[in-house]
Amino acid sequence: MKYLIIFLFFLSSLYAHKLYIIADDDGKTLHVKSYFTKSSFCQECKVKIFGKNDKVLFEGKTDKNGIA
């Protein structure tokens, strides 16, 4: 039983740092929002958007709300 509890604890921690990314295109601008959980935003995360031939179209960081 002890080993089962330890195993379940480590199994649950695998999903602790899952990153969610939402990208929305309104025709002119690409909006990117990123977060770990609904209350934990990915702050100052690097964002790179590539075009054809791996040309970098945008390079920046997310703000305090996880938005770039």
Protein backbone atom coordinates (compact mmCIF):
# COMPACT_ATOMS: atom_id res chain seq x y z
CA MET A 1 0.00 0.00 0.00
CA LYS A 2 2.88 2.35 0.84
CA TYR A 3 4.38 1.88 -2.63
CA LEU A 4 1.02 2.47 -4.31
CA ILE A 5 0.64 5.82 -2.59
CA ILE A 6 4.18 6.85 -3.54
CA PHE A 7 3.59 5.74 -7.14
CA LEU A 8 0.33 7.70 -7.39
CA PHE A 9 2.02 10.79 -5.95
CA PHE A 10 4.75 10.72 -8.60
CA LEU A 11 2.26 9.92 -11.35
CA SER A 12 0.16 12.96 -10.46
CA SER A 13 3.24 15.21 -10.53
CA LEU A 14 3.85 14.37 -14.20
CA TYR A 15 0.95 16.65 -15.14
CA ALA A 16 1.96 19.48 -12.81
CA HIS A 17 3.83 21.44 -15.47
CA LYS A 18 1.68 20.88 -18.53
CA LEU A 19 1.71 23.98 -20.72
CA TYR A 20 -1.44 25.06 -22.55
CA ILE A 21 -1.14 27.29 -25.62
CA ILE A 22 -4.03 28.95 -27.42
CA ALA A 23 -3.44 30.78 -30.71
CA ASP A 24 -6.16 32.87 -32.37
CA ASP A 25 -5.93 34.57 -35.76
CA ASP A 26 -8.28 37.49 -36.45
CA GLY A 27 -7.05 38.02 -40.01
CA LYS A 28 -4.44 40.67 -39.17
CA THR A 29 -2.95 39.62 -35.84
CA LEU A 30 -2.07 36.32 -34.21
CA HIS A 31 -2.92 36.33 -30.50
CA VAL A 32 -1.08 33.80 -28.30
CA LYS A 33 -2.11 32.93 -24.73
CA SER A 34 -0.22 30.42 -22.60
CA TYR A 35 -0.78 29.08 -19.10
CA PHE A 36 -0.01 26.13 -16.84
CA THR A 37 -3.34 26.20 -15.00
CA LYS A 38 -6.19 28.70 -15.20
CA SER A 39 -4.65 30.68 -12.34
CA SER A 40 -0.96 30.24 -13.27
CA PHE A 41 0.08 32.07 -16.43
CA CYS A 42 3.29 31.45 -18.35
CA GLN A 43 4.98 34.77 -17.57
CA GLU A 44 7.90 35.99 -19.71
CA CYS A 45 7.95 32.79 -21.77
CA LYS A 46 9.77 32.97 -25.10
CA VAL A 47 7.54 33.02 -28.17
CA LYS A 48 8.81 32.49 -31.72
CA ILE A 49 6.59 32.40 -34.78
CA PHE A 50 8.09 30.91 -37.91
CA GLY A 51 7.03 31.41 -41.52
CA LYS A 52 8.03 29.65 -44.69
CA ASN A 53 11.59 28.35 -44.92
CA ASP A 54 11.90 28.60 -41.10
CA LYS A 55 12.12 32.40 -41.26
CA VAL A 56 11.39 33.98 -37.85
CA LEU A 57 8.39 36.32 -38.23
CA PHE A 58 8.09 37.27 -34.56
CA GLU A 59 10.21 36.79 -31.48
CA GLY A 60 9.23 38.04 -28.05
CA LYS A 61 7.99 37.13 -24.58
CA THR A 62 4.61 36.77 -22.96
CA ASP A 63 3.43 39.38 -20.48
CA LYS A 64 2.32 38.85 -16.87
CA ASN A 65 -0.99 37.42 -18.16
CA GLY A 66 0.71 34.93 -20.52
CA ILE A 67 -0.26 36.89 -23.65
CA ALA A 68 1.91 37.75 -26.63
